[in-house]
Amino acid sequence: MVAEATAMRNGLRAAVKAGFTNIHIEGDNKVLIQVVQGRIQPPWEIQVLVQDITYYLQTCTHVIVHHIFSEGNRAVDLLAKLRLSLSSTIVWTHTSYRELGYTLVRRAV
C-alpha cells in the first residue's frame, strides 16, 4: 500500500510540475482508489501520502480516479519496471501507442 501510494504521489507531482491539469488515474489497488476518491478513510500508514495526493489533485482542473482490475494494468506495471531500470526520470508528453507498445514488449522480453 505504501509503495503504491508513494508511486501515485510521485507521478502526480511529476504531472503537475510538467503542467498537466487534466488527470486520469487508474489503479488496481481498490483500497487506495477508494481512499483517493474520498469514499473511505486512509489507513494510518499512508495518511501523509494521501494528504500529498489530495494537494496535487486540488491543483488540477479535471480529475478522474477509478479502479481497474490488475489485468488492465499490465502496461503500467511494465512502465514502472522500466522506470526502475533508468537513472533519471522520463516524462512523455506524447507518444504513439505503437512506440509505447514496442518499448513495453522490448522490455518484457
PDB file of N, CA and C in Angstrom:
ATOM      1  N   MET A   1       0.823  -1.193   0.000  1.00  0.00           N
ATOM      2  CA  MET A   1       0.000   0.000   0.000  1.00  0.00           C
ATOM      3  C   MET A   1       0.868   1.258   0.000  1.00  0.00           C
ATOM      4  N   VAL A   2       1.913   1.258   0.827  1.00  0.00           N
ATOM      5  CA  VAL A   2       2.795   2.428   0.909  1.00  0.00           C
ATOM      6  C   VAL A   2       3.499   2.650  -0.427  1.00  0.00           C
ATOM      7  N   ALA A   3       3.978   1.571  -1.043  1.00  0.00           N
ATOM      8  CA  ALA A   3       4.676   1.704  -2.328  1.00  0.00           C
ATOM      9  C   ALA A   3       3.748   2.257  -3.401  1.00  0.00           C
ATOM     10  N   GLU A   4       2.515   1.780  -3.452  1.00  0.00           N
ATOM     11  CA  GLU A   4       1.583   2.250  -4.477  1.00  0.00           C
ATOM     12  C   GLU A   4       1.153   3.695  -4.233  1.00  0.00           C
ATOM     13  N   ALA A   5       0.944   4.046  -2.971  1.00  0.00           N
ATOM     14  CA  ALA A   5       0.587   5.434  -2.659  1.00  0.00           C
ATOM     15  C   ALA A   5       1.752   6.373  -2.963  1.00  0.00           C
ATOM     16  N   THR A   6       2.968   5.919  -2.683  1.00  0.00           N
ATOM     17  CA  THR A   6       4.158   6.717  -2.992  1.00  0.00           C
ATOM     18  C   THR A   6       4.282   6.914  -4.497  1.00  0.00           C
ATOM     19  N   ALA A   7       4.062   5.855  -5.258  1.00  0.00           N
ATOM     20  CA  ALA A   7       4.132   5.954  -6.720  1.00  0.00           C
ATOM     21  C   ALA A   7       3.075   6.914  -7.251  1.00  0.00           C
ATOM     22  N   MET A   8       1.864   6.848  -6.681  1.00  0.00           N
ATOM     23  CA  MET A   8       0.811   7.763  -7.123  1.00  0.00           C
ATOM     24  C   MET A   8       1.190   9.204  -6.810  1.00  0.00           C
ATOM     25  N   ARG A   9       1.673   9.450  -5.602  1.00  0.00           N
ATOM     26  CA  ARG A   9       2.079  10.797  -5.217  1.00  0.00           C
ATOM     27  C   ARG A   9       3.188  11.317  -6.117  1.00  0.00           C
ATOM     28  N   ASN A  10       4.200  10.488  -6.362  1.00  0.00           N
ATOM     29  CA  ASN A  10       5.323  10.918  -7.198  1.00  0.00           C
ATOM     30  C   ASN A  10       4.891  11.154  -8.640  1.00  0.00           C
ATOM     31  N   GLY A  11       4.015  10.311  -9.148  1.00  0.00           N
ATOM     32  CA  GLY A  11       3.511  10.503 -10.508  1.00  0.00           C
ATOM     33  C   GLY A  11       2.696  11.773 -10.643  1.00  0.00           C
ATOM     34  N   LEU A  12       1.846  12.028  -9.651  1.00  0.00           N
ATOM     35  CA  LEU A  12       1.056  13.268  -9.667  1.00  0.00           C
ATOM     36  C   LEU A  12       1.940  14.493  -9.573  1.00  0.00           C
ATOM     37  N   ARG A  13       2.941  14.434  -8.712  1.00  0.00           N
ATOM     38  CA  ARG A  13       3.860  15.567  -8.570  1.00  0.00           C
ATOM     39  C   ARG A  13       4.558  15.834  -9.902  1.00  0.00           C
ATOM     40  N   ALA A  14       5.016  14.792 -10.578  1.00  0.00           N
ATOM     41  CA  ALA A  14       5.685  14.961 -11.872  1.00  0.00           C
ATOM     42  C   ALA A  14       4.717  15.531 -12.911  1.00  0.00           C
ATOM     43  N   ALA A  15       3.484  15.036 -12.920  1.00  0.00           N
ATOM     44  CA  ALA A  15       2.493  15.527 -13.890  1.00  0.00           C
ATOM     45  C   ALA A  15       2.169  16.998 -13.660  1.00  0.00           C
ATOM     46  N   VAL A  16       1.982  17.370 -12.407  1.00  0.00           N
ATOM     47  CA  VAL A  16       1.666  18.766 -12.085  1.00  0.00           C
ATOM     48  C   VAL A  16       2.844  19.674 -12.430  1.00  0.00           C
ATOM     49  N   LYS A  17       4.054  19.243 -12.100  1.00  0.00           N
ATOM     50  CA  LYS A  17       5.234  20.050 -12.427  1.00  0.00           C
ATOM     51  C   LYS A  17       5.421  20.185 -13.929  1.00  0.00           C
ATOM     52  N   ALA A  18       4.977  19.175 -14.691  1.00  0.00           N
ATOM     53  CA  ALA A  18       5.081  19.231 -16.147  1.00  0.00           C
ATOM     54  C   ALA A  18       3.960  20.069 -16.762  1.00  0.00           C
ATOM     55  N   GLY A  19       3.023  20.548 -15.930  1.00  0.00           N
ATOM     56  CA  GLY A  19       1.968  21.428 -16.427  1.00  0.00           C
ATOM     57  C   GLY A  19       0.651  20.756 -16.739  1.00  0.00           C
ATOM     58  N   PHE A  20       0.509  19.491 -16.429  1.00  0.00           N
ATOM     59  CA  PHE A  20      -0.748  18.796 -16.703  1.00  0.00           C
ATOM     60  C   PHE A  20      -1.793  19.184 -15.660  1.00  0.00           C
ATOM     61  N   THR A  21      -3.000  19.474 -16.117  1.00  0.00           N
ATOM     62  CA  THR A  21      -4.085  19.822 -15.204  1.00  0.00           C
ATOM     63  C   THR A  21      -5.291  18.903 -15.372  1.00  0.00           C
ATOM     64  N   ASN A  22      -5.330  18.126 -16.418  1.00  0.00           N
ATOM     65  CA  ASN A  22      -6.373  17.111 -16.621  1.00  0.00           C
ATOM     66  C   ASN A  22      -5.750  15.757 -16.292  1.00  0.00           C
ATOM     67  N   ILE A  23      -6.168  15.174 -15.190  1.00  0.00           N
ATOM     68  CA  ILE A  23      -5.545  13.964 -14.674  1.00  0.00           C
ATOM     69  C   ILE A  23      -6.558  12.817 -14.666  1.00  0.00           C
ATOM     70  N   HIS A  24      -6.133  11.672 -15.157  1.00  0.00           N
ATOM     71  CA  HIS A  24      -6.952  10.458 -15.142  1.00  0.00           C
ATOM     72  C   HIS A  24      -6.120   9.382 -14.460  1.00  0.00           C
ATOM     73  N   ILE A  25      -6.561   8.938 -13.302  1.00  0.00           N
ATOM     74  CA  ILE A  25      -5.848   7.924 -12.536  1.00  0.00           C
ATOM     75  C   ILE A  25      -6.619   6.624 -12.602  1.00  0.00           C
ATOM     76  N   GLU A  26      -5.925   5.559 -12.992  1.00  0.00           N
ATOM     77  CA  GLU A  26      -6.480   4.215 -12.939  1.00  0.00           C
ATOM     78  C   GLU A  26      -5.563   3.399 -12.050  1.00  0.00           C
ATOM     79  N   GLY A  27      -6.133   2.642 -11.137  1.00  0.00           N
ATOM     80  CA  GLY A  27      -5.318   1.831 -10.258  1.00  0.00           C
ATOM     81  C   GLY A  27      -5.985   0.517  -9.925  1.00  0.00           C
ATOM     82  N   ASP A  28      -5.165  -0.492  -9.654  1.00  0.00           N
ATOM     83  CA  ASP A  28      -5.717  -1.797  -9.331  1.00  0.00           C
ATOM     84  C   ASP A  28      -5.762  -2.068  -7.825  1.00  0.00           C
ATOM     85  N   ASN A  29      -5.308  -1.115  -7.022  1.00  0.00           N
ATOM     86  CA  ASN A  29      -5.418  -1.239  -5.573  1.00  0.00           C
ATOM     87  C   ASN A  29      -6.719  -0.567  -5.154  1.00  0.00           C
ATOM     88  N   LYS A  30      -7.736  -1.384  -4.923  1.00  0.00           N
ATOM     89  CA  LYS A  30      -9.072  -0.856  -4.677  1.00  0.00           C
ATOM     90  C   LYS A  30      -9.132   0.034  -3.437  1.00  0.00           C
ATOM     91  N   VAL A  31      -8.416  -0.339  -2.391  1.00  0.00           N
ATOM     92  CA  VAL A  31      -8.427   0.469  -1.166  1.00  0.00           C
ATOM     93  C   VAL A  31      -7.841   1.845  -1.440  1.00  0.00           C
ATOM     94  N   LEU A  32      -6.683   1.906  -2.111  1.00  0.00           N
ATOM     95  CA  LEU A  32      -6.065   3.194  -2.410  1.00  0.00           C
ATOM     96  C   LEU A  32      -6.977   4.058  -3.283  1.00  0.00           C
ATOM     97  N   ILE A  33      -7.592   3.468  -4.274  1.00  0.00           N
ATOM     98  CA  ILE A  33      -8.503   4.224  -5.141  1.00  0.00           C
ATOM     99  C   ILE A  33      -9.677   4.764  -4.330  1.00  0.00           C
ATOM    100  N   GLN A  34     -10.256   3.945  -3.458  1.00  0.00           N
ATOM    101  CA  GLN A  34     -11.382   4.406  -2.641  1.00  0.00           C
ATOM    102  C   GLN A  34     -10.950   5.513  -1.677  1.00  0.00           C
ATOM    103  N   VAL A  35      -9.726   5.428  -1.171  1.00  0.00           N
ATOM    104  CA  VAL A  35      -9.214   6.484  -0.295  1.00  0.00           C
ATOM    105  C   VAL A  35      -9.104   7.791  -1.073  1.00  0.00           C
ATOM    106  N   VAL A  36      -8.504   7.737  -2.263  1.00  0.00           N
ATOM    107  CA  VAL A  36      -8.318   8.949  -3.074  1.00  0.00           C
ATOM    108  C   VAL A  36      -9.664   9.525  -3.516  1.00  0.00           C
ATOM    109  N   GLN A  37     -10.630   8.659  -3.746  1.00  0.00           N
ATOM    110  CA  GLN A  37     -11.969   9.116  -4.108  1.00  0.00           C
ATOM    111  C   GLN A  37     -12.711   9.712  -2.907  1.00  0.00           C
ATOM    112  N   GLY A  38     -12.165   9.554  -1.706  1.00  0.00           N
ATOM    113  CA  GLY A  38     -12.812  10.071  -0.518  1.00  0.00           C
ATOM    114  C   GLY A  38     -13.923   9.180   0.009  1.00  0.00           C
ATOM    115  N   ARG A  39     -13.967   7.951  -0.445  1.00  0.00           N
ATOM    116  CA  ARG A  39     -15.033   7.031  -0.042  1.00  0.00           C
ATOM    117  C   ARG A  39     -14.744   6.336   1.279  1.00  0.00           C
ATOM    118  N   ILE A  40     -13.450   6.176   1.623  1.00  0.00           N
ATOM    119  CA  ILE A  40     -13.071   5.562   2.894  1.00  0.00           C
ATOM    120  C   ILE A  40     -11.899   6.340   3.489  1.00  0.00           C
ATOM    121  N   GLN A  41     -11.681   6.156   4.768  1.00  0.00           N
ATOM    122  CA  GLN A  41     -10.566   6.803   5.453  1.00  0.00           C
ATOM    123  C   GLN A  41      -9.274   6.068   5.128  1.00  0.00           C
ATOM    124  N   PRO A  42      -8.169   6.799   4.986  1.00  0.00           N
ATOM    125  CA  PRO A  42      -6.898   6.138   4.672  1.00  0.00           C
ATOM    126  C   PRO A  42      -6.347   5.363   5.867  1.00  0.00           C
ATOM    127  N   PRO A  43      -5.722   4.220   5.592  1.00  0.00           N
ATOM    128  CA  PRO A  43      -5.000   3.543   6.669  1.00  0.00           C
ATOM    129  C   PRO A  43      -3.894   4.469   7.183  1.00  0.00           C
ATOM    130  N   TRP A  44      -3.532   4.351   8.434  1.00  0.00           N
ATOM    131  CA  TRP A  44      -2.569   5.265   9.041  1.00  0.00           C
ATOM    132  C   TRP A  44      -1.237   5.277   8.298  1.00  0.00           C
ATOM    133  N   GLU A  45      -0.870   4.147   7.689  1.00  0.00           N
ATOM    134  CA  GLU A  45       0.423   4.051   7.012  1.00  0.00           C
ATOM    135  C   GLU A  45       0.563   5.012   5.837  1.00  0.00           C
ATOM    136  N   ILE A  46      -0.562   5.407   5.251  1.00  0.00           N
ATOM    137  CA  ILE A  46      -0.488   6.247   4.048  1.00  0.00           C
ATOM    138  C   ILE A  46      -1.156   7.610   4.232  1.00  0.00           C
ATOM    139  N   GLN A  47      -1.484   7.991   5.440  1.00  0.00           N
ATOM    140  CA  GLN A  47      -2.190   9.249   5.661  1.00  0.00           C
ATOM    141  C   GLN A  47      -1.440  10.460   5.107  1.00  0.00           C
ATOM    142  N   VAL A  48      -0.144  10.531   5.345  1.00  0.00           N
ATOM    143  CA  VAL A  48       0.635  11.678   4.853  1.00  0.00           C
ATOM    144  C   VAL A  48       0.718  11.651   3.326  1.00  0.00           C
ATOM    145  N   LEU A  49       0.892  10.478   2.756  1.00  0.00           N
ATOM    146  CA  LEU A  49       0.931  10.362   1.299  1.00  0.00           C
ATOM    147  C   LEU A  49      -0.401  10.781   0.685  1.00  0.00           C
ATOM    148  N   VAL A  50      -1.493  10.402   1.300  1.00  0.00           N
ATOM    149  CA  VAL A  50      -2.819  10.778   0.799  1.00  0.00           C
ATOM    150  C   VAL A  50      -3.019  12.287   0.893  1.00  0.00           C
ATOM    151  N   GLN A  51      -2.495  12.910   1.936  1.00  0.00           N
ATOM    152  CA  GLN A  51      -2.565  14.372   2.022  1.00  0.00           C
ATOM    153  C   GLN A  51      -1.830  15.010   0.846  1.00  0.00           C
ATOM    154  N   ASP A  52      -0.650  14.479   0.501  1.00  0.00           N
ATOM    155  CA  ASP A  52       0.087  14.993  -0.652  1.00  0.00           C
ATOM    156  C   ASP A  52      -0.682  14.766  -1.947  1.00  0.00           C
ATOM    157  N   ILE A  53      -1.237  13.565  -2.109  1.00  0.00           N
ATOM    158  CA  ILE A  53      -2.013  13.246  -3.313  1.00  0.00           C
ATOM    159  C   ILE A  53      -3.190  14.213  -3.450  1.00  0.00           C
ATOM    160  N   THR A  54      -3.889  14.433  -2.354  1.00  0.00           N
ATOM    161  CA  THR A  54      -5.032  15.352  -2.356  1.00  0.00           C
ATOM    162  C   THR A  54      -4.595  16.763  -2.729  1.00  0.00           C
ATOM    163  N   TYR A  55      -3.472  17.198  -2.198  1.00  0.00           N
ATOM    164  CA  TYR A  55      -2.950  18.529  -2.529  1.00  0.00           C
ATOM    165  C   TYR A  55      -2.720  18.653  -4.037  1.00  0.00           C
ATOM    166  N   TYR A  56      -2.033  17.687  -4.631  1.00  0.00           N
ATOM    167  CA  TYR A  56      -1.751  17.765  -6.072  1.00  0.00           C
ATOM    168  C   TYR A  56      -3.029  17.694  -6.893  1.00  0.00           C
ATOM    169  N   LEU A  57      -3.981  16.858  -6.478  1.00  0.00           N
ATOM    170  CA  LEU A  57      -5.235  16.768  -7.222  1.00  0.00           C
ATOM    171  C   LEU A  57      -6.030  18.066  -7.156  1.00  0.00           C
ATOM    172  N   GLN A  58      -5.947  18.774  -6.047  1.00  0.00           N
ATOM    173  CA  GLN A  58      -6.668  20.040  -5.909  1.00  0.00           C
ATOM    174  C   GLN A  58      -6.107  21.135  -6.807  1.00  0.00           C
ATOM    175  N   THR A  59      -4.878  20.964  -7.290  1.00  0.00           N
ATOM    176  CA  THR A  59      -4.303  21.949  -8.203  1.00  0.00           C
ATOM    177  C   THR A  59      -4.736  21.704  -9.646  1.00  0.00           C
ATOM    178  N   CYS A  60      -5.431  20.611  -9.891  1.00  0.00           N
ATOM    179  CA  CYS A  60      -5.840  20.243 -11.248  1.00  0.00           C
ATOM    180  C   CYS A  60      -7.251  20.727 -11.535  1.00  0.00           C
ATOM    181  N   THR A  61      -7.543  20.924 -12.818  1.00  0.00           N
ATOM    182  CA  THR A  61      -8.868  21.398 -13.210  1.00  0.00           C
ATOM    183  C   THR A  61      -9.840  20.256 -13.475  1.00  0.00           C
ATOM    184  N   HIS A  62      -9.340  19.090 -13.856  1.00  0.00           N
ATOM    185  CA  HIS A  62     -10.208  17.953 -14.164  1.00  0.00           C
ATOM    186  C   HIS A  62      -9.516  16.682 -13.688  1.00  0.00           C
ATOM    187  N   VAL A  63     -10.199  15.909 -12.858  1.00  0.00           N
ATOM    188  CA  VAL A  63      -9.616  14.696 -12.281  1.00  0.00           C
ATOM    189  C   VAL A  63     -10.616  13.556 -12.383  1.00  0.00           C
ATOM    190  N   ILE A  64     -10.139  12.412 -12.862  1.00  0.00           N
ATOM    191  CA  ILE A  64     -10.915  11.174 -12.856  1.00  0.00           C
ATOM    192  C   ILE A  64     -10.068  10.139 -12.130  1.00  0.00           C
ATOM    193  N   VAL A  65     -10.669   9.449 -11.173  1.00  0.00           N
ATOM    194  CA  VAL A  65      -9.979   8.396 -10.424  1.00  0.00           C
ATOM    195  C   VAL A  65     -10.890   7.189 -10.398  1.00  0.00           C
ATOM    196  N   HIS A  66     -10.412   6.066 -10.952  1.00  0.00           N
ATOM    197  CA  HIS A  66     -11.234   4.867 -10.863  1.00  0.00           C
ATOM    198  C   HIS A  66     -10.398   3.601 -10.802  1.00  0.00           C
ATOM    199  N   HIS A  67     -11.037   2.562 -10.270  1.00  0.00           N
ATOM    200  CA  HIS A  67     -10.407   1.256 -10.090  1.00  0.00           C
ATOM    201  C   HIS A  67     -10.489   0.452 -11.375  1.00  0.00           C
ATOM    202  N   ILE A  68      -9.402  -0.250 -11.680  1.00  0.00           N
ATOM    203  CA  ILE A  68      -9.407  -1.221 -12.773  1.00  0.00           C
ATOM    204  C   ILE A  68      -8.840  -2.523 -12.228  1.00  0.00           C
ATOM    205  N   PHE A  69      -9.138  -3.607 -12.890  1.00  0.00           N
ATOM    206  CA  PHE A  69      -8.590  -4.892 -12.481  1.00  0.00           C
ATOM    207  C   PHE A  69      -7.132  -4.981 -12.895  1.00  0.00           C
ATOM    208  N   SER A  70      -6.364  -5.791 -12.193  1.00  0.00           N
ATOM    209  CA  SER A  70      -4.920  -5.859 -12.440  1.00  0.00           C
ATOM    210  C   SER A  70      -4.594  -6.277 -13.869  1.00  0.00           C
ATOM    211  N   GLU A  71      -5.467  -7.054 -14.505  1.00  0.00           N
ATOM    212  CA  GLU A  71      -5.231  -7.442 -15.895  1.00  0.00           C
ATOM    213  C   GLU A  71      -5.205  -6.223 -16.821  1.00  0.00           C
ATOM    214  N   GLY A  72      -5.921  -5.178 -16.455  1.00  0.00           N
ATOM    215  CA  GLY A  72      -5.952  -3.957 -17.252  1.00  0.00           C
ATOM    216  C   GLY A  72      -4.817  -3.010 -16.934  1.00  0.00           C
ATOM    217  N   ASN A  73      -3.970  -3.403 -16.008  1.00  0.00           N
ATOM    218  CA  ASN A  73      -2.905  -2.535 -15.541  1.00  0.00           C
ATOM    219  C   ASN A  73      -1.514  -3.033 -15.941  1.00  0.00           C
ATOM    220  N   ARG A  74      -1.435  -4.001 -16.828  1.00  0.00           N
ATOM    221  CA  ARG A  74      -0.145  -4.588 -17.201  1.00  0.00           C
ATOM    222  C   ARG A  74       0.816  -3.577 -17.815  1.00  0.00           C
ATOM    223  N   ALA A  75       0.310  -2.692 -18.650  1.00  0.00           N
ATOM    224  CA  ALA A  75       1.189  -1.694 -19.274  1.00  0.00           C
ATOM    225  C   ALA A  75       1.821  -0.797 -18.220  1.00  0.00           C
ATOM    226  N   VAL A  76       1.057  -0.417 -17.229  1.00  0.00           N
ATOM    227  CA  VAL A  76       1.592   0.432 -16.163  1.00  0.00           C
ATOM    228  C   VAL A  76       2.639  -0.324 -15.353  1.00  0.00           C
ATOM    229  N   ASP A  77       2.379  -1.593 -15.076  1.00  0.00           N
ATOM    230  CA  ASP A  77       3.367  -2.391 -14.351  1.00  0.00           C
ATOM    231  C   ASP A  77       4.678  -2.468 -15.120  1.00  0.00           C
ATOM    232  N   LEU A  78       4.593  -2.649 -16.428  1.00  0.00           N
ATOM    233  CA  LEU A  78       5.810  -2.692 -17.241  1.00  0.00           C
ATOM    234  C   LEU A  78       6.511  -1.343 -17.258  1.00  0.00           C
ATOM    235  N   LEU A  79       5.745  -0.248 -17.311  1.00  0.00           N
ATOM    236  CA  LEU A  79       6.353   1.078 -17.269  1.00  0.00           C
ATOM    237  C   LEU A  79       7.047   1.327 -15.925  1.00  0.00           C
ATOM    238  N   ALA A  80       6.434   0.857 -14.851  1.00  0.00           N
ATOM    239  CA  ALA A  80       7.055   1.010 -13.533  1.00  0.00           C
ATOM    240  C   ALA A  80       8.373   0.249 -13.476  1.00  0.00           C
ATOM    241  N   LYS A  81       8.390  -0.954 -14.025  1.00  0.00           N
ATOM    242  CA  LYS A  81       9.636  -1.735 -14.049  1.00  0.00           C
ATOM    243  C   LYS A  81      10.680  -1.050 -14.936  1.00  0.00           C
ATOM    244  N   LEU A  82      10.235  -0.482 -16.053  1.00  0.00           N
ATOM    245  CA  LEU A  82      11.146   0.261 -16.919  1.00  0.00           C
ATOM    246  C   LEU A  82      11.750   1.429 -16.163  1.00  0.00           C
ATOM    247  N   ARG A  83      10.941   2.158 -15.415  1.00  0.00           N
ATOM    248  CA  ARG A  83      11.424   3.316 -14.651  1.00  0.00           C
ATOM    249  C   ARG A  83      12.494   2.914 -13.648  1.00  0.00           C
ATOM    250  N   LEU A  84      12.334   1.759 -13.029  1.00  0.00           N
ATOM    251  CA  LEU A  84      13.319   1.297 -12.047  1.00  0.00           C
ATOM    252  C   LEU A  84      14.679   1.031 -12.680  1.00  0.00           C
ATOM    253  N   SER A  85      14.692   0.746 -13.975  1.00  0.00           N
ATOM    254  CA  SER A  85      15.956   0.454 -14.653  1.00  0.00           C
ATOM    255  C   SER A  85      16.645   1.708 -15.186  1.00  0.00           C
ATOM    256  N   LEU A  86      15.997   2.875 -15.075  1.00  0.00           N
ATOM    257  CA  LEU A  86      16.554   4.116 -15.602  1.00  0.00           C
ATOM    258  C   LEU A  86      17.231   4.927 -14.500  1.00  0.00           C
ATOM    259  N   SER A  87      18.201   5.729 -14.890  1.00  0.00           N
ATOM    260  CA  SER A  87      18.913   6.543 -13.905  1.00  0.00           C
ATOM    261  C   SER A  87      18.279   7.924 -13.710  1.00  0.00           C
ATOM    262  N   SER A  88      17.347   8.309 -14.570  1.00  0.00           N
ATOM    263  CA  SER A  88      16.695   9.609 -14.434  1.00  0.00           C
ATOM    264  C   SER A  88      15.217   9.470 -14.787  1.00  0.00           C
ATOM    265  N   THR A  89      14.443  10.484 -14.429  1.00  0.00           N
ATOM    266  CA  THR A  89      13.014  10.481 -14.683  1.00  0.00           C
ATOM    267  C   THR A  89      12.722  10.849 -16.130  1.00  0.00           C
ATOM    268  N   ILE A  90      11.747  10.172 -16.715  1.00  0.00           N
ATOM    269  CA  ILE A  90      11.301  10.469 -18.071  1.00  0.00           C
ATOM    270  C   ILE A  90       9.845  10.903 -18.000  1.00  0.00           C
ATOM    271  N   VAL A  91       9.498  12.001 -18.658  1.00  0.00           N
ATOM    272  CA  VAL A  91       8.110  12.428 -18.776  1.00  0.00           C
ATOM    273  C   VAL A  91       7.773  12.428 -20.260  1.00  0.00           C
ATOM    274  N   TRP A  92       6.841  11.555 -20.637  1.00  0.00           N
ATOM    275  CA  TRP A  92       6.380  11.521 -22.017  1.00  0.00           C
ATOM    276  C   TRP A  92       5.196  12.459 -22.132  1.00  0.00           C
ATOM    277  N   THR A  93       5.311  13.487 -22.940  1.00  0.00           N
ATOM    278  CA  THR A  93       4.175  14.381 -23.139  1.00  0.00           C
ATOM    279  C   THR A  93       3.274  13.882 -24.256  1.00  0.00           C
ATOM    280  N   HIS A  94       3.831  13.092 -25.137  1.00  0.00           N
ATOM    281  CA  HIS A  94       3.029  12.419 -26.150  1.00  0.00           C
ATOM    282  C   HIS A  94       3.857  11.282 -26.743  1.00  0.00           C
ATOM    283  N   THR A  95       3.177  10.251 -27.142  1.00  0.00           N
ATOM    284  CA  THR A  95       3.824   9.122 -27.791  1.00  0.00           C
ATOM    285  C   THR A  95       2.747   8.329 -28.503  1.00  0.00           C
ATOM    286  N   SER A  96       3.133   7.614 -29.521  1.00  0.00           N
ATOM    287  CA  SER A  96       2.155   6.783 -30.213  1.00  0.00           C
ATOM    288  C   SER A  96       2.011   5.472 -29.454  1.00  0.00           C
ATOM    289  N   TYR A  97       0.851   4.854 -29.573  1.00  0.00           N
ATOM    290  CA  TYR A  97       0.652   3.561 -28.930  1.00  0.00           C
ATOM    291  C   TYR A  97       1.636   2.539 -29.482  1.00  0.00           C
ATOM    292  N   ARG A  98       1.946   2.650 -30.751  1.00  0.00           N
ATOM    293  CA  ARG A  98       2.881   1.714 -31.360  1.00  0.00           C
ATOM    294  C   ARG A  98       4.266   1.860 -30.721  1.00  0.00           C
ATOM    295  N   GLU A  99       4.712   3.101 -30.544  1.00  0.00           N
ATOM    296  CA  GLU A  99       6.011   3.347 -29.924  1.00  0.00           C
ATOM    297  C   GLU A  99       6.028   2.839 -28.483  1.00  0.00           C
ATOM    298  N   LEU A 100       4.972   3.122 -27.750  1.00  0.00           N
ATOM    299  CA  LEU A 100       4.883   2.679 -26.369  1.00  0.00           C
ATOM    300  C   LEU A 100       4.809   1.152 -26.303  1.00  0.00           C
ATOM    301  N   GLY A 101       4.006   0.561 -27.151  1.00  0.00           N
ATOM    302  CA  GLY A 101       3.893  -0.902 -27.185  1.00  0.00           C
ATOM    303  C   GLY A 101       5.214  -1.557 -27.493  1.00  0.00           C
ATOM    304  N   TYR A 102       5.974  -0.993 -28.433  1.00  0.00           N
ATOM    305  CA  TYR A 102       7.279  -1.545 -28.771  1.00  0.00           C
ATOM    306  C   TYR A 102       8.221  -1.475 -27.580  1.00  0.00           C
ATOM    307  N   THR A 103       8.221  -0.348 -26.880  1.00  0.00           N
ATOM    308  CA  THR A 103       9.061  -0.198 -25.703  1.00  0.00           C
ATOM    309  C   THR A 103       8.700  -1.231 -24.647  1.00  0.00           C
ATOM    310  N   LEU A 104       7.400  -1.419 -24.403  1.00  0.00           N
ATOM    311  CA  LEU A 104       6.960  -2.359 -23.378  1.00  0.00           C
ATOM    312  C   LEU A 104       7.285  -3.790 -23.749  1.00  0.00           C
ATOM    313  N   VAL A 105       7.046  -4.150 -25.008  1.00  0.00           N
ATOM    314  CA  VAL A 105       7.336  -5.514 -25.443  1.00  0.00           C
ATOM    315  C   VAL A 105       8.826  -5.770 -25.379  1.00  0.00           C
ATOM    316  N   ARG A 106       9.631  -4.828 -25.836  1.00  0.00           N
ATOM    317  CA  ARG A 106      11.076  -4.991 -25.812  1.00  0.00           C
ATOM    318  C   ARG A 106      11.571  -5.191 -24.388  1.00  0.00           C
ATOM    319  N   ARG A 107      11.031  -4.431 -23.426  1.00  0.00           N
ATOM    320  CA  ARG A 107      11.457  -4.545 -22.032  1.00  0.00           C
ATOM    321  C   ARG A 107      10.951  -5.829 -21.388  1.00  0.00           C
ATOM    322  N   ALA A 108       9.795  -6.332 -21.827  1.00  0.00           N
ATOM    323  CA  ALA A 108       9.211  -7.511 -21.202  1.00  0.00           C
ATOM    324  C   ALA A 108       9.917  -8.793 -21.611  1.00  0.00           C
ATOM    325  N   VAL A 109      10.578  -8.774 -22.759  1.00  0.00           N
ATOM    326  CA  VAL A 109      11.223  -9.983 -23.275  1.00  0.00           C
ATOM    327  C   VAL A 109      12.522 -10.260 -22.561  1.00  0.00           C
TER     328      VAL A 109
END
